Amino acid sequence: MDLPATVASEDVLQQPTRSRLFALLTELKRPATADELAARLGLHRSGVRVHLERLKAAGVVECQRAPQARGRPPDAWSISARAI
C-alpha cells in the first residue's frame, strides 16, 4: 500500500473510523492487535489495518511485533509518543 510520506495528523483523524481507533487505543493505554481493535469496534480486521497504516503514516500510532511462540507474530498497535 502506498501512502503519502507526510500526512498531517489532524487531517488523518478527521475520518470517523480512524478517530474511533485512536480514541480506543488511548482508552486502552496498552498495545492492541488489529483483531482486538476490529472486534471492539465491530469492524473487519482488514479495514482496521488500512486505517491503522494511515495513522502510522501520520505518526500518531506505532506498530511492534508481539512475541509469539509459533507462527507469524501479530502486530501490536499503540499510540505514538509523538502523539501524546
N, C-alpha and C. Protein backbone atom coordinates (compact mmCIF):
# COMPACT_ATOMS: atom_id res chain seq x y z
N MET A 1 0.84 -1.17 0.00
CA MET A 1 0.00 0.00 0.00
C MET A 1 0.89 1.23 0.00
N ASP A 2 0.65 2.14 -0.93
CA ASP A 2 1.43 3.37 -0.99
C ASP A 2 0.67 4.48 -0.30
N LEU A 3 1.32 5.05 0.70
CA LEU A 3 0.74 6.16 1.43
C LEU A 3 1.66 7.36 1.29
N PRO A 4 1.12 8.57 1.32
CA PRO A 4 1.99 9.74 1.25
C PRO A 4 2.99 9.73 2.40
N ALA A 5 4.18 10.23 2.12
CA ALA A 5 5.24 10.26 3.14
C ALA A 5 4.85 11.15 4.31
N THR A 6 4.18 12.24 4.02
CA THR A 6 3.77 13.13 5.10
C THR A 6 2.27 13.33 5.05
N VAL A 7 1.62 12.97 6.10
CA VAL A 7 0.17 13.13 6.23
C VAL A 7 -0.06 13.86 7.54
N ALA A 8 -0.75 14.97 7.51
CA ALA A 8 -1.00 15.74 8.73
C ALA A 8 -1.85 14.93 9.69
N SER A 9 -1.42 14.87 10.96
CA SER A 9 -2.17 14.07 11.94
C SER A 9 -3.58 14.60 12.14
N GLU A 10 -3.76 15.91 12.04
CA GLU A 10 -5.10 16.49 12.21
C GLU A 10 -6.02 16.00 11.10
N ASP A 11 -5.50 15.95 9.87
CA ASP A 11 -6.30 15.52 8.73
C ASP A 11 -6.68 14.05 8.84
N VAL A 12 -5.73 13.22 9.24
CA VAL A 12 -5.98 11.78 9.30
C VAL A 12 -7.02 11.45 10.37
N LEU A 13 -7.10 12.23 11.42
CA LEU A 13 -8.06 11.98 12.49
C LEU A 13 -9.45 12.54 12.19
N GLN A 14 -9.60 13.22 11.06
CA GLN A 14 -10.91 13.73 10.67
C GLN A 14 -11.83 12.61 10.21
N GLN A 15 -11.25 11.51 9.76
CA GLN A 15 -12.04 10.37 9.30
C GLN A 15 -12.60 9.66 10.54
N PRO A 16 -13.90 9.42 10.62
CA PRO A 16 -14.53 8.87 11.83
C PRO A 16 -13.96 7.54 12.33
N THR A 17 -13.69 6.60 11.45
CA THR A 17 -13.16 5.30 11.91
C THR A 17 -11.77 5.47 12.49
N ARG A 18 -10.93 6.26 11.85
CA ARG A 18 -9.57 6.49 12.39
C ARG A 18 -9.64 7.22 13.71
N SER A 19 -10.56 8.14 13.84
CA SER A 19 -10.74 8.85 15.11
C SER A 19 -11.16 7.89 16.21
N ARG A 20 -12.07 6.96 15.89
CA ARG A 20 -12.51 5.95 16.87
C ARG A 20 -11.36 5.02 17.26
N LEU A 21 -10.55 4.61 16.28
CA LEU A 21 -9.40 3.76 16.57
C LEU A 21 -8.42 4.47 17.50
N PHE A 22 -8.13 5.72 17.21
CA PHE A 22 -7.21 6.50 18.03
C PHE A 22 -7.77 6.63 19.45
N ALA A 23 -9.05 6.92 19.57
CA ALA A 23 -9.68 7.06 20.89
C ALA A 23 -9.63 5.74 21.65
N LEU A 24 -9.89 4.62 20.97
CA LEU A 24 -9.86 3.31 21.62
C LEU A 24 -8.44 2.98 22.11
N LEU A 25 -7.44 3.21 21.29
CA LEU A 25 -6.05 2.96 21.72
C LEU A 25 -5.68 3.86 22.90
N THR A 26 -6.18 5.08 22.90
CA THR A 26 -5.92 5.98 24.02
C THR A 26 -6.57 5.45 25.30
N GLU A 27 -7.80 4.96 25.18
CA GLU A 27 -8.51 4.38 26.33
C GLU A 27 -7.81 3.15 26.88
N LEU A 28 -7.38 2.27 25.98
CA LEU A 28 -6.76 1.01 26.39
C LEU A 28 -5.45 1.22 27.15
N LYS A 29 -4.70 2.24 26.76
CA LYS A 29 -3.40 2.55 27.40
C LYS A 29 -2.43 1.37 27.33
N ARG A 30 -2.57 0.57 26.26
CA ARG A 30 -1.67 -0.56 26.03
C ARG A 30 -1.76 -0.93 24.55
N PRO A 31 -0.76 -1.64 24.06
CA PRO A 31 -0.83 -2.08 22.66
C PRO A 31 -1.98 -3.07 22.45
N ALA A 32 -2.53 -3.06 21.25
CA ALA A 32 -3.63 -3.97 20.90
C ALA A 32 -3.44 -4.43 19.46
N THR A 33 -3.91 -5.64 19.17
CA THR A 33 -3.83 -6.16 17.81
C THR A 33 -4.97 -5.60 16.97
N ALA A 34 -4.81 -5.69 15.66
CA ALA A 34 -5.87 -5.26 14.75
C ALA A 34 -7.13 -6.09 14.96
N ASP A 35 -6.95 -7.38 15.27
CA ASP A 35 -8.11 -8.24 15.53
C ASP A 35 -8.90 -7.75 16.75
N GLU A 36 -8.19 -7.42 17.82
CA GLU A 36 -8.86 -6.93 19.02
C GLU A 36 -9.58 -5.61 18.75
N LEU A 37 -8.89 -4.70 18.07
CA LEU A 37 -9.50 -3.40 17.77
C LEU A 37 -10.73 -3.57 16.88
N ALA A 38 -10.62 -4.44 15.88
CA ALA A 38 -11.75 -4.68 14.98
C ALA A 38 -12.94 -5.24 15.75
N ALA A 39 -12.68 -6.19 16.65
CA ALA A 39 -13.77 -6.79 17.43
C ALA A 39 -14.44 -5.75 18.32
N ARG A 40 -13.65 -4.90 18.94
CA ARG A 40 -14.21 -3.88 19.84
C ARG A 40 -15.04 -2.84 19.08
N LEU A 41 -14.66 -2.58 17.83
CA LEU A 41 -15.38 -1.57 17.05
C LEU A 41 -16.43 -2.17 16.12
N GLY A 42 -16.50 -3.51 16.06
CA GLY A 42 -17.47 -4.15 15.18
C GLY A 42 -17.14 -3.99 13.71
N LEU A 43 -15.84 -4.00 13.39
CA LEU A 43 -15.39 -3.83 12.01
C LEU A 43 -14.57 -5.04 11.57
N HIS A 44 -14.29 -5.13 10.28
CA HIS A 44 -13.45 -6.21 9.76
C HIS A 44 -11.99 -5.84 9.95
N ARG A 45 -11.16 -6.83 10.31
CA ARG A 45 -9.76 -6.55 10.63
C ARG A 45 -8.98 -6.00 9.44
N SER A 46 -9.33 -6.38 8.22
CA SER A 46 -8.62 -5.85 7.05
C SER A 46 -8.83 -4.34 6.92
N GLY A 47 -10.05 -3.91 7.11
CA GLY A 47 -10.34 -2.47 7.07
C GLY A 47 -9.64 -1.72 8.18
N VAL A 48 -9.61 -2.33 9.36
CA VAL A 48 -8.95 -1.70 10.50
C VAL A 48 -7.46 -1.55 10.21
N ARG A 49 -6.86 -2.56 9.60
CA ARG A 49 -5.43 -2.48 9.27
C ARG A 49 -5.14 -1.33 8.33
N VAL A 50 -6.00 -1.10 7.35
CA VAL A 50 -5.82 0.01 6.42
C VAL A 50 -5.82 1.33 7.19
N HIS A 51 -6.76 1.50 8.09
CA HIS A 51 -6.84 2.72 8.88
C HIS A 51 -5.62 2.87 9.80
N LEU A 52 -5.19 1.76 10.40
CA LEU A 52 -4.01 1.81 11.27
C LEU A 52 -2.76 2.21 10.48
N GLU A 53 -2.63 1.72 9.27
CA GLU A 53 -1.48 2.10 8.43
C GLU A 53 -1.50 3.58 8.11
N ARG A 54 -2.67 4.13 7.89
CA ARG A 54 -2.77 5.58 7.63
C ARG A 54 -2.41 6.38 8.88
N LEU A 55 -2.86 5.90 10.04
CA LEU A 55 -2.50 6.56 11.29
C LEU A 55 -0.99 6.47 11.54
N LYS A 56 -0.41 5.34 11.17
CA LYS A 56 1.03 5.16 11.32
C LYS A 56 1.79 6.13 10.40
N ALA A 57 1.32 6.26 9.16
CA ALA A 57 1.95 7.18 8.20
C ALA A 57 1.92 8.62 8.70
N ALA A 58 0.87 8.95 9.46
CA ALA A 58 0.74 10.30 10.02
C ALA A 58 1.54 10.47 11.30
N GLY A 59 2.07 9.36 11.83
CA GLY A 59 2.90 9.42 13.02
C GLY A 59 2.16 9.43 14.34
N VAL A 60 0.87 9.08 14.33
CA VAL A 60 0.10 9.11 15.58
C VAL A 60 0.00 7.75 16.26
N VAL A 61 0.26 6.67 15.52
CA VAL A 61 0.34 5.34 16.13
C VAL A 61 1.62 4.67 15.66
N GLU A 62 2.02 3.64 16.40
CA GLU A 62 3.17 2.85 16.01
C GLU A 62 2.85 1.38 16.14
N CYS A 63 3.66 0.58 15.48
CA CYS A 63 3.40 -0.85 15.41
C CYS A 63 4.65 -1.62 15.80
N GLN A 64 4.45 -2.63 16.64
CA GLN A 64 5.54 -3.53 17.00
C GLN A 64 5.03 -4.96 16.91
N ARG A 65 5.95 -5.86 16.62
CA ARG A 65 5.58 -7.27 16.57
C ARG A 65 5.49 -7.82 17.99
N ALA A 66 4.37 -8.44 18.31
CA ALA A 66 4.18 -9.05 19.62
C ALA A 66 4.84 -10.43 19.62
N PRO A 67 5.62 -10.75 20.64
CA PRO A 67 6.27 -12.06 20.69
C PRO A 67 5.24 -13.19 20.71
N GLN A 68 5.58 -14.27 20.03
CA GLN A 68 4.68 -15.42 19.96
C GLN A 68 5.53 -16.66 19.73
N ALA A 69 5.18 -17.75 20.38
CA ALA A 69 5.99 -18.98 20.29
C ALA A 69 5.97 -19.60 18.90
N ARG A 70 4.81 -19.61 18.24
CA ARG A 70 4.70 -20.26 16.93
C ARG A 70 3.93 -19.37 15.98
N GLY A 71 4.22 -19.53 14.71
CA GLY A 71 3.50 -18.80 13.68
C GLY A 71 3.95 -17.36 13.55
N ARG A 72 3.26 -16.64 12.69
CA ARG A 72 3.59 -15.24 12.46
C ARG A 72 3.12 -14.41 13.65
N PRO A 73 4.02 -13.64 14.24
CA PRO A 73 3.60 -12.84 15.39
C PRO A 73 2.66 -11.71 14.97
N PRO A 74 1.64 -11.45 15.76
CA PRO A 74 0.72 -10.36 15.43
C PRO A 74 1.34 -9.00 15.68
N ASP A 75 0.89 -8.02 14.93
CA ASP A 75 1.33 -6.64 15.16
C ASP A 75 0.57 -6.07 16.35
N ALA A 76 1.27 -5.36 17.20
CA ALA A 76 0.66 -4.69 18.35
C ALA A 76 0.71 -3.19 18.09
N TRP A 77 -0.44 -2.56 18.06
CA TRP A 77 -0.56 -1.14 17.75
C TRP A 77 -0.74 -0.33 19.03
N SER A 78 -0.10 0.83 19.08
CA SER A 78 -0.22 1.71 20.24
C SER A 78 -0.08 3.15 19.80
N ILE A 79 -0.44 4.06 20.70
CA ILE A 79 -0.31 5.49 20.42
C ILE A 79 1.17 5.84 20.40
N SER A 80 1.56 6.60 19.42
CA SER A 80 2.95 7.05 19.29
C SER A 80 3.28 8.07 20.38
N ALA A 81 4.49 8.04 20.86
CA ALA A 81 4.93 9.02 21.85
C ALA A 81 4.83 10.43 21.29
N ARG A 82 4.96 10.58 19.98
CA ARG A 82 4.84 11.89 19.33
C ARG A 82 3.41 12.44 19.41
N ALA A 83 2.44 11.55 19.54
CA ALA A 83 1.04 11.97 19.51
C ALA A 83 0.51 12.35 20.89
N ILE A 84 1.27 12.07 21.92
CA ILE A 84 0.81 12.33 23.28
C ILE A 84 1.04 13.76 23.67
